Amino acid sequence: MKKYIMPSLKLTLVLLIICAVIYPLLIAGIARFAPGGGGGEKLMLNDRVVGYAHVGQKFTEDRYFWGRPSAVGYNAAGSGGSNKGPSNPDYLKTVRDRIDSFLVHNPTVQRGQVPSEMVTASGSGLDPDISPNSALIQVARVAKARSLPAEKLRRLVQQYTETPWFGPAHVNVLKLNIGLETLQQKYRT
């Protein structure tokens, strides 16, 4: 038994140094080259931080584009999904309530046109992106609330649509709403 203790302790020490010291320092060094220097990509409006690019936020006013619902109230400290299956009665009621609310705020949209991502929470509860279709379906509501031409808002959605090399096109809701605020300020002057 004695011959196994020393190699085990040495292996434990080596793995501890690799996993608890070298690897975190390596990742922190690589993160320095990411947008925001590893501290998150801060988004600004009028010289003030309004959020982070990769963390969803709650928008409920008709004058803003809405993002995906969150099962955790957009709490970045406790991200996660609802863990309720698609046949769970509570989950189905929540989705029906979200559809009804979406239709009340978007009267030009038919029930069958509501994008599923607008009424179902993401796995993390912090998804900052929606599909271009989900943004475009909200244009009529936002245009009416802000007294802006719908065509200008459709162009704004196209401007903020990101098409990555892999995966579907998406729109960052916070970036879009910052662009919306900027457009509104220009439109007033």
Foldseek 3Di string as FASTA:
>chain_A
DVVPVVVVVVVVVVVCCVVVPVVVVVVLVVCCPPQVRVPANFDDAPNHTDDGQFFAAADDDLLAQGFAAFPVNSDPVQWFFPPDDPPDPVLVVQLVVQLVSVCVLQVVDDSVLADSRNRGADGGRTGQKDALSSRLSSLVSNCVVLVHDSVVLNVLSVVQWDCDPDDHIIGRRVVSRSVSVVVSVVVVD
